[in-house]
Each structure stands twice: as structure tokens, then as C-alpha cells.
């Protein structure tokens, strides 16, 4: 069930007045393209399937199983095998074939200096997200980090199981007592980030420097588009 607003406002909260800022990870804070694509290539090679380079940029962001099923026509069992092989490579090597986008750390410093509570809401497994943030020295900028905990959602609601971006955002809001999502903004690079946040009534910033196109982000309903991490900070503290 979609997180319900507990109060209505006559006027929407200015983005500058929002206290909480939720960030996607891959394609928003770090450029993880190389490691993710290498992990896909490894899994496909082991499964004796020819990679399709024209689809590579679409892999970063959505859940791995979904990408295998969507772009390679795998059934659930095959996609689960692909996911296991993907993680075999990614957890050992691919996770660090990665870099922090230029300007991200300065953006986080500005937002912290303006009293914003920064959080990560990613479709990456939570333990891997923490490893990435700690490896690059970004962990201390965030008061909360959340990722997926399972690859598939059950048929019943269980708040401990998070297998989608929507479930991750709901977990962030509930756990941090954010009763009115108007007090939060989501920053992400793919349509899935924007659409998930909009389900909770949050404003959104689409980052055009990540893996999604500006057209994709605008079509998904992004309230703002940022071409650089510095522009993200400007939108939030100066709008």
C-alpha cells in the first residue's frame, strides 16, 4: 500500500525548505558502469549467451534479474542463475570498478552545511551499497542508507523485505519517521527513481549526468533536471 500522507498543505513545500534528501547510488553518486557491465558480461559468458552492447547503458539502475529477463528473454530460473553469476564477479571485483562523479563530494558538503539530512535509497543490495560508500569515503555524509534486501517481493506485505525502489523508499520514510513525504526530495538518474518517488508525493531531481537521458527523466515526471552534482545543490538550497 502506498505510503499515505498524514497532512495536507495548502501550498506545496518549496524544495529549498525540504529537510530530507534521498539519493540513488549508481549513476547519481558514483559511476559504476564499468563494474556492472563487466559483471553482466561475465554472467552471460558463463551462460554461453552473446552480450548485446547496444543495451549496456540500460543495465545500470534497474534490478539485475529484470534486465536479464527484459533484454535476454530469460525465464525466472535463468535470471536467478544469471544474478548469481553477476554477483560472483561483482562482489569480488566489479564493485570497485567504480568512481565518484566529479563534484559529488562538494555537493554533499554543501547540503550538509545547509542542515539537510542526506540518505541513500538504492536498488543495489544494501550491504553492497555500504561497501561502496565506505570504500570511497562517502558513508559519513549520510545519516541513513537503505537498499534492497531480497530479489523478489513476496505476495504479502512484509516491511523487512525490500525488492524494489518503491519498497526501499517506503522503508526510508517509515524508519526515519518522515510522516509527510513533502519534506523529502529524491535525486536519481533513471525513470524508476522518479516514478517510485512520485508514488509517495515527493518532488524529484533527475540527474542528466548519469545513465538516463534527459528525455527519460522528463517523461517520468522529474520536477527538476540537473546537469551536474553542483546544480543539484543549487536547486535544493537556492530554489
C-alpha atoms as a PDB file:
ATOM      1  CA  UNK A   1       0.000   0.000   0.000  1.00  0.00           C
ATOM      2  CA  UNK A   2       1.376   3.400  -0.942  1.00  0.00           C
ATOM      3  CA  UNK A   3       2.625   5.433   1.994  1.00  0.00           C
ATOM      4  CA  UNK A   4      -0.206   7.772   2.966  1.00  0.00           C
ATOM      5  CA  UNK A   5       0.201  11.469   3.604  1.00  0.00           C
ATOM      6  CA  UNK A   6      -0.912  12.360   7.111  1.00  0.00           C
ATOM      7  CA  UNK A   7      -1.394  16.029   6.446  1.00  0.00           C
ATOM      8  CA  UNK A   8      -2.317  18.226   3.542  1.00  0.00           C
ATOM      9  CA  UNK A   9      -0.774  21.573   2.799  1.00  0.00           C
ATOM     10  CA  UNK A  10      -2.470  24.458   1.083  1.00  0.00           C
ATOM     11  CA  UNK A  11       0.782  25.246  -0.721  1.00  0.00           C
ATOM     12  CA  UNK A  12       3.471  22.705  -1.716  1.00  0.00           C
ATOM     13  CA  UNK A  13       6.692  22.885   0.272  1.00  0.00           C
ATOM     14  CA  UNK A  14       9.466  24.712  -1.573  1.00  0.00           C
ATOM     15  CA  UNK A  15      12.281  22.355  -2.480  1.00  0.00           C
ATOM     16  CA  UNK A  16      14.613  24.679  -0.550  1.00  0.00           C
ATOM     17  CA  UNK A  17      12.610  24.006   2.621  1.00  0.00           C
ATOM     18  CA  UNK A  18      12.807  20.239   2.398  1.00  0.00           C
ATOM     19  CA  UNK A  19      14.732  18.658   5.229  1.00  0.00           C
ATOM     20  CA  UNK A  20      15.445  15.203   3.771  1.00  0.00           C
ATOM     21  CA  UNK A  21      17.289  14.442   0.537  1.00  0.00           C
ATOM     22  CA  UNK A  22      17.247  10.851  -0.752  1.00  0.00           C
ATOM     23  CA  UNK A  23      19.912   9.838  -3.268  1.00  0.00           C
ATOM     24  CA  UNK A  24      20.117   6.967  -5.673  1.00  0.00           C
ATOM     25  CA  UNK A  25      23.645   5.489  -5.790  1.00  0.00           C
ATOM     26  CA  UNK A  26      24.656   4.075  -9.194  1.00  0.00           C
ATOM     27  CA  UNK A  27      24.588   6.813 -11.801  1.00  0.00           C
ATOM     28  CA  UNK A  28      23.898   9.511  -9.222  1.00  0.00           C
ATOM     29  CA  UNK A  29      26.723   9.408  -6.671  1.00  0.00           C
ATOM     30  CA  UNK A  30      29.123   7.023  -8.406  1.00  0.00           C
ATOM     31  CA  UNK A  31      29.834   5.994 -11.978  1.00  0.00           C
ATOM     32  CA  UNK A  32      29.611   2.213 -11.606  1.00  0.00           C
ATOM     33  CA  UNK A  33      29.148   1.489 -15.307  1.00  0.00           C
ATOM     34  CA  UNK A  34      32.390  -0.445 -15.833  1.00  0.00           C
ATOM     35  CA  UNK A  35      31.917  -2.853 -12.940  1.00  0.00           C
ATOM     36  CA  UNK A  36      28.231  -3.507 -13.649  1.00  0.00           C
ATOM     37  CA  UNK A  37      28.782  -4.133 -17.363  1.00  0.00           C
ATOM     38  CA  UNK A  38      31.761  -6.389 -16.681  1.00  0.00           C
ATOM     39  CA  UNK A  39      29.626  -8.386 -14.251  1.00  0.00           C
ATOM     40  CA  UNK A  40      26.884  -8.764 -16.871  1.00  0.00           C
ATOM     41  CA  UNK A  41      29.452  -9.853 -19.461  1.00  0.00           C
ATOM     42  CA  UNK A  42      30.894 -12.401 -17.041  1.00  0.00           C
ATOM     43  CA  UNK A  43      27.471 -13.870 -16.280  1.00  0.00           C
ATOM     44  CA  UNK A  44      26.448 -14.013 -19.949  1.00  0.00           C
ATOM     45  CA  UNK A  45      29.758 -15.606 -20.931  1.00  0.00           C
ATOM     46  CA  UNK A  46      29.329 -18.284 -18.270  1.00  0.00           C
ATOM     47  CA  UNK A  47      25.795 -18.917 -19.557  1.00  0.00           C
ATOM     48  CA  UNK A  48      27.094 -19.043 -23.163  1.00  0.00           C
ATOM     49  CA  UNK A  49      24.941 -16.093 -24.226  1.00  0.00           C
ATOM     50  CA  UNK A  50      26.234 -13.402 -26.584  1.00  0.00           C
ATOM     51  CA  UNK A  51      26.156  -9.928 -24.942  1.00  0.00           C
ATOM     52  CA  UNK A  52      24.240  -7.136 -26.694  1.00  0.00           C
ATOM     53  CA  UNK A  53      26.371  -3.972 -26.379  1.00  0.00           C
ATOM     54  CA  UNK A  54      23.545  -1.759 -27.638  1.00  0.00           C
ATOM     55  CA  UNK A  55      21.636  -2.467 -24.431  1.00  0.00           C
ATOM     56  CA  UNK A  56      24.519  -1.982 -21.970  1.00  0.00           C
ATOM     57  CA  UNK A  57      23.616   1.515 -20.717  1.00  0.00           C
ATOM     58  CA  UNK A  58      20.119   0.305 -19.874  1.00  0.00           C
ATOM     59  CA  UNK A  59      21.505  -2.232 -17.362  1.00  0.00           C
ATOM     60  CA  UNK A  60      22.592   0.326 -14.789  1.00  0.00           C
ATOM     61  CA  UNK A  61      19.790   1.168 -12.393  1.00  0.00           C
ATOM     62  CA  UNK A  62      17.093  -1.494 -12.813  1.00  0.00           C
ATOM     63  CA  UNK A  63      17.244  -4.770 -10.841  1.00  0.00           C
ATOM     64  CA  UNK A  64      19.657  -7.299 -12.376  1.00  0.00           C
ATOM     65  CA  UNK A  65      17.067 -10.061 -12.772  1.00  0.00           C
ATOM     66  CA  UNK A  66      14.727  -7.665 -14.553  1.00  0.00           C
ATOM     67  CA  UNK A  67      17.473  -6.752 -17.025  1.00  0.00           C
ATOM     68  CA  UNK A  68      18.211 -10.405 -17.791  1.00  0.00           C
ATOM     69  CA  UNK A  69      14.524 -11.111 -18.334  1.00  0.00           C
ATOM     70  CA  UNK A  70      13.845  -7.945 -20.344  1.00  0.00           C
ATOM     71  CA  UNK A  71      16.888  -7.822 -22.617  1.00  0.00           C
ATOM     72  CA  UNK A  72      17.668 -11.542 -22.941  1.00  0.00           C
ATOM     73  CA  UNK A  73      14.251 -13.136 -22.617  1.00  0.00           C
ATOM     74  CA  UNK A  74      15.270 -15.290 -19.657  1.00  0.00           C
ATOM     75  CA  UNK A  75      12.703 -17.084 -17.549  1.00  0.00           C
ATOM     76  CA  UNK A  76      12.841 -16.718 -13.775  1.00  0.00           C
ATOM     77  CA  UNK A  77      15.158 -19.695 -13.209  1.00  0.00           C
ATOM     78  CA  UNK A  78      17.620 -18.492 -15.853  1.00  0.00           C
ATOM     79  CA  UNK A  79      17.539 -14.957 -14.492  1.00  0.00           C
ATOM     80  CA  UNK A  80      18.282 -16.252 -10.995  1.00  0.00           C
ATOM     81  CA  UNK A  81      21.278 -18.171 -12.389  1.00  0.00           C
ATOM     82  CA  UNK A  82      22.416 -15.012 -14.159  1.00  0.00           C
ATOM     83  CA  UNK A  83      22.042 -12.988 -10.964  1.00  0.00           C
ATOM     84  CA  UNK A  84      24.173 -15.463  -9.004  1.00  0.00           C
ATOM     85  CA  UNK A  85      26.933 -15.282 -11.643  1.00  0.00           C
ATOM     86  CA  UNK A  86      26.661 -11.495 -11.805  1.00  0.00           C
ATOM     87  CA  UNK A  87      27.181 -11.253  -8.045  1.00  0.00           C
ATOM     88  CA  UNK A  88      30.054 -13.742  -8.162  1.00  0.00           C
ATOM     89  CA  UNK A  89      32.019 -11.263 -10.265  1.00  0.00           C
ATOM     90  CA  UNK A  90      30.614  -8.047  -8.868  1.00  0.00           C
ATOM     91  CA  UNK A  91      31.143  -8.786  -5.178  1.00  0.00           C
ATOM     92  CA  UNK A  92      34.781  -9.793  -5.735  1.00  0.00           C
ATOM     93  CA  UNK A  93      35.893  -7.243  -8.311  1.00  0.00           C
ATOM     94  CA  UNK A  94      33.212  -5.255 -10.113  1.00  0.00           C
ATOM     95  CA  UNK A  95      32.038  -3.368  -7.038  1.00  0.00           C
ATOM     96  CA  UNK A  96      35.283  -1.374  -7.057  1.00  0.00           C
ATOM     97  CA  UNK A  97      35.427  -0.824 -10.833  1.00  0.00           C
ATOM     98  CA  UNK A  98      33.745   2.411  -9.985  1.00  0.00           C
ATOM     99  CA  UNK A  99      34.428   6.104  -9.317  1.00  0.00           C
ATOM    100  CA  UNK A 100      32.774   9.028  -7.561  1.00  0.00           C
ATOM    101  CA  UNK A 101      31.415  11.609 -10.003  1.00  0.00           C
ATOM    102  CA  UNK A 102      33.356  14.869 -10.029  1.00  0.00           C
ATOM    103  CA  UNK A 103      31.598  17.365  -7.776  1.00  0.00           C
ATOM    104  CA  UNK A 104      29.609  14.841  -5.730  1.00  0.00           C
ATOM    105  CA  UNK A 105      31.570  15.256  -2.510  1.00  0.00           C
ATOM    106  CA  UNK A 106      31.366  19.055  -2.755  1.00  0.00           C
ATOM    107  CA  UNK A 107      27.600  18.766  -3.332  1.00  0.00           C
ATOM    108  CA  UNK A 108      27.206  16.632  -0.213  1.00  0.00           C
ATOM    109  CA  UNK A 109      29.263  19.096   1.814  1.00  0.00           C
ATOM    110  CA  UNK A 110      27.057  21.999   0.717  1.00  0.00           C
ATOM    111  CA  UNK A 111      23.863  20.150   1.555  1.00  0.00           C
ATOM    112  CA  UNK A 112      25.167  19.074   4.953  1.00  0.00           C
ATOM    113  CA  UNK A 113      26.229  22.661   5.671  1.00  0.00           C
ATOM    114  CA  UNK A 114      22.645  23.772   4.996  1.00  0.00           C
ATOM    115  CA  UNK A 115      21.301  21.291   7.533  1.00  0.00           C
ATOM    116  CA  UNK A 116      19.863  18.749   5.106  1.00  0.00           C
ATOM    117  CA  UNK A 117      19.502  15.146   6.261  1.00  0.00           C
ATOM    118  CA  UNK A 118      21.050  13.038   3.500  1.00  0.00           C
ATOM    119  CA  UNK A 119      20.033   9.443   2.848  1.00  0.00           C
ATOM    120  CA  UNK A 120      20.693   6.777   0.235  1.00  0.00           C
ATOM    121  CA  UNK A 121      17.810   4.845  -1.328  1.00  0.00           C
ATOM    122  CA  UNK A 122      19.186   2.398  -3.884  1.00  0.00           C
ATOM    123  CA  UNK A 123      18.067  -0.727  -5.715  1.00  0.00           C
ATOM    124  CA  UNK A 124      21.542  -2.138  -5.053  1.00  0.00           C
ATOM    125  CA  UNK A 125      21.723  -4.722  -2.238  1.00  0.00           C
ATOM    126  CA  UNK A 126      22.148  -2.778   0.971  1.00  0.00           C
ATOM    127  CA  UNK A 127      25.369  -4.438   2.094  1.00  0.00           C
ATOM    128  CA  UNK A 128      26.981  -3.677  -1.281  1.00  0.00           C
ATOM    129  CA  UNK A 129      25.850  -0.051  -1.143  1.00  0.00           C
ATOM    130  CA  UNK A 130      27.504   0.316   2.254  1.00  0.00           C
ATOM    131  CA  UNK A 131      30.736  -1.213   0.920  1.00  0.00           C
ATOM    132  CA  UNK A 132      30.816   1.284  -1.953  1.00  0.00           C
ATOM    133  CA  UNK A 133      30.140   4.302   0.264  1.00  0.00           C
ATOM    134  CA  UNK A 134      32.751   3.225   2.807  1.00  0.00           C
ATOM    135  CA  UNK A 135      35.328   2.440   0.094  1.00  0.00           C
ATOM    136  CA  UNK A 136      35.026   5.938  -1.376  1.00  0.00           C
ATOM    137  CA  UNK A 137      34.834   7.741   1.974  1.00  0.00           C
ATOM    138  CA  UNK A 138      31.242   8.921   1.473  1.00  0.00           C
ATOM    139  CA  UNK A 139      29.489   6.995   4.246  1.00  0.00           C
ATOM    140  CA  UNK A 140      29.725   9.744   6.873  1.00  0.00           C
ATOM    141  CA  UNK A 141      27.770  12.198   4.735  1.00  0.00           C
ATOM    142  CA  UNK A 142      24.626  10.093   5.110  1.00  0.00           C
ATOM    143  CA  UNK A 143      22.524   9.603   8.213  1.00  0.00           C
ATOM    144  CA  UNK A 144      20.759   6.580   6.698  1.00  0.00           C
ATOM    145  CA  UNK A 145      21.470   4.072   3.925  1.00  0.00           C
ATOM    146  CA  UNK A 146      18.876   1.676   2.513  1.00  0.00           C
ATOM    147  CA  UNK A 147      18.949  -0.820  -0.345  1.00  0.00           C
ATOM    148  CA  UNK A 148      17.159  -3.956  -1.394  1.00  0.00           C
ATOM    149  CA  UNK A 149      17.275  -6.995   0.889  1.00  0.00           C
ATOM    150  CA  UNK A 150      15.700  -9.588  -1.439  1.00  0.00           C
ATOM    151  CA  UNK A 151      15.489 -10.201  -5.162  1.00  0.00           C
ATOM    152  CA  UNK A 152      11.730 -10.812  -5.245  1.00  0.00           C
ATOM    153  CA  UNK A 153       8.869  -9.389  -3.212  1.00  0.00           C
ATOM    154  CA  UNK A 154       6.529 -11.861  -1.516  1.00  0.00           C
ATOM    155  CA  UNK A 155       2.822 -11.943  -2.283  1.00  0.00           C
ATOM    156  CA  UNK A 156       2.112 -10.451   1.161  1.00  0.00           C
ATOM    157  CA  UNK A 157       3.390  -7.207   2.659  1.00  0.00           C
ATOM    158  CA  UNK A 158       6.455  -7.664   4.847  1.00  0.00           C
ATOM    159  CA  UNK A 159       8.301  -4.439   5.757  1.00  0.00           C
ATOM    160  CA  UNK A 160      11.565  -6.362   6.237  1.00  0.00           C
ATOM    161  CA  UNK A 161      11.606  -7.451   2.586  1.00  0.00           C
ATOM    162  CA  UNK A 162      12.671  -4.819   0.070  1.00  0.00           C
ATOM    163  CA  UNK A 163      12.990  -5.849  -3.565  1.00  0.00           C
ATOM    164  CA  UNK A 164      12.111  -2.644  -5.433  1.00  0.00           C
ATOM    165  CA  UNK A 165      12.884   1.075  -5.341  1.00  0.00           C
ATOM    166  CA  UNK A 166       9.356   1.752  -4.059  1.00  0.00           C
ATOM    167  CA  UNK A 167       9.881  -0.605  -1.111  1.00  0.00           C
ATOM    168  CA  UNK A 168      13.264   0.973  -0.355  1.00  0.00           C
ATOM    169  CA  UNK A 169      11.786   4.489  -0.309  1.00  0.00           C
ATOM    170  CA  UNK A 170       8.888   3.348   1.876  1.00  0.00           C
ATOM    171  CA  UNK A 171      11.422   1.844   4.301  1.00  0.00           C
ATOM    172  CA  UNK A 172      13.404   5.098   4.427  1.00  0.00           C
ATOM    173  CA  UNK A 173      10.291   7.150   5.157  1.00  0.00           C
ATOM    174  CA  UNK A 174       8.894   4.800   7.794  1.00  0.00           C
ATOM    175  CA  UNK A 175      12.152   4.136   9.602  1.00  0.00           C
ATOM    176  CA  UNK A 176      13.038   7.808   9.834  1.00  0.00           C
ATOM    177  CA  UNK A 177       9.563   8.924  10.886  1.00  0.00           C
ATOM    178  CA  UNK A 178       9.046  11.052   7.786  1.00  0.00           C
ATOM    179  CA  UNK A 179       5.277  11.190   8.048  1.00  0.00           C
ATOM    180  CA  UNK A 180       4.850  13.776   5.309  1.00  0.00           C
ATOM    181  CA  UNK A 181       6.864  12.903   2.178  1.00  0.00           C
ATOM    182  CA  UNK A 182       6.562  16.551   1.112  1.00  0.00           C
ATOM    183  CA  UNK A 183       9.512  17.083   3.449  1.00  0.00           C
ATOM    184  CA  UNK A 184      11.736  14.931   1.229  1.00  0.00           C
ATOM    185  CA  UNK A 185      13.144  15.089  -2.295  1.00  0.00           C
ATOM    186  CA  UNK A 186      14.507  12.200  -4.386  1.00  0.00           C
ATOM    187  CA  UNK A 187      17.614  12.593  -6.558  1.00  0.00           C
ATOM    188  CA  UNK A 188      18.194   9.937  -9.213  1.00  0.00           C
ATOM    189  CA  UNK A 189      19.290   9.266 -12.771  1.00  0.00           C
ATOM    190  CA  UNK A 190      16.678   6.812 -14.084  1.00  0.00           C
ATOM    191  CA  UNK A 191      12.936   6.880 -14.664  1.00  0.00           C
ATOM    192  CA  UNK A 192      12.490   4.241 -11.953  1.00  0.00           C
ATOM    193  CA  UNK A 193      13.851   6.647  -9.331  1.00  0.00           C
ATOM    194  CA  UNK A 194      11.479   9.394 -10.417  1.00  0.00           C
ATOM    195  CA  UNK A 195       8.368   7.237 -10.728  1.00  0.00           C
ATOM    196  CA  UNK A 196       8.958   5.497  -7.398  1.00  0.00           C
ATOM    197  CA  UNK A 197       9.361   8.791  -5.533  1.00  0.00           C
ATOM    198  CA  UNK A 198       6.306  10.309  -7.208  1.00  0.00           C
ATOM    199  CA  UNK A 199       4.181   7.484  -5.797  1.00  0.00           C
ATOM    200  CA  UNK A 200       4.829   8.997  -2.376  1.00  0.00           C
ATOM    201  CA  UNK A 201       4.182  12.584  -3.427  1.00  0.00           C
ATOM    202  CA  UNK A 202       7.849  13.557  -3.270  1.00  0.00           C
ATOM    203  CA  UNK A 203       9.446  16.157  -5.510  1.00  0.00           C
ATOM    204  CA  UNK A 204      12.240  14.832  -7.684  1.00  0.00           C
ATOM    205  CA  UNK A 205      15.502  15.891  -9.292  1.00  0.00           C
ATOM    206  CA  UNK A 206      16.678  13.931 -12.313  1.00  0.00           C
ATOM    207  CA  UNK A 207      20.440  13.997 -12.890  1.00  0.00           C
ATOM    208  CA  UNK A 208      21.303  14.172 -16.580  1.00  0.00           C
ATOM    209  CA  UNK A 209      24.961  13.259 -15.961  1.00  0.00           C
ATOM    210  CA  UNK A 210      24.003   9.654 -15.051  1.00  0.00           C
ATOM    211  CA  UNK A 211      22.745   6.794 -17.192  1.00  0.00           C
ATOM    212  CA  UNK A 212      19.260   8.012 -18.031  1.00  0.00           C
ATOM    213  CA  UNK A 213      18.611  10.632 -20.685  1.00  0.00           C
ATOM    214  CA  UNK A 214      17.005  13.994 -20.002  1.00  0.00           C
ATOM    215  CA  UNK A 215      14.059  12.855 -22.127  1.00  0.00           C
ATOM    216  CA  UNK A 216      13.650   9.731 -19.976  1.00  0.00           C
ATOM    217  CA  UNK A 217      13.707  11.787 -16.783  1.00  0.00           C
ATOM    218  CA  UNK A 218      11.257  14.411 -18.035  1.00  0.00           C
ATOM    219  CA  UNK A 219       8.892  11.752 -19.350  1.00  0.00           C
ATOM    220  CA  UNK A 220       8.946  10.085 -15.925  1.00  0.00           C
ATOM    221  CA  UNK A 221       7.879  13.401 -14.384  1.00  0.00           C
ATOM    222  CA  UNK A 222      11.082  14.837 -12.856  1.00  0.00           C
ATOM    223  CA  UNK A 223      10.393  18.248 -11.300  1.00  0.00           C
ATOM    224  CA  UNK A 224      13.941  19.458 -11.978  1.00  0.00           C
ATOM    225  CA  UNK A 225      16.848  18.391 -14.187  1.00  0.00           C
ATOM    226  CA  UNK A 226      20.453  18.811 -13.017  1.00  0.00           C
ATOM    227  CA  UNK A 227      23.362  18.576 -15.444  1.00  0.00           C
ATOM    228  CA  UNK A 228      25.992  18.386 -12.682  1.00  0.00           C
ATOM    229  CA  UNK A 229      26.168  17.499  -8.978  1.00  0.00           C
ATOM    230  CA  UNK A 230      26.765  21.184  -8.263  1.00  0.00           C
ATOM    231  CA  UNK A 231      23.476  22.022  -9.926  1.00  0.00           C
ATOM    232  CA  UNK A 232      21.699  19.529  -7.621  1.00  0.00           C
ATOM    233  CA  UNK A 233      22.962  21.502  -4.625  1.00  0.00           C
ATOM    234  CA  UNK A 234      21.921  24.797  -6.218  1.00  0.00           C
ATOM    235  CA  UNK A 235      18.383  23.552  -6.869  1.00  0.00           C
ATOM    236  CA  UNK A 236      17.959  22.368  -3.290  1.00  0.00           C
ATOM    237  CA  UNK A 237      19.479  25.295  -1.389  1.00  0.00           C
ATOM    238  CA  UNK A 238      18.640  28.209  -3.708  1.00  0.00           C
ATOM    239  CA  UNK A 239      15.263  27.382  -5.298  1.00  0.00           C
END
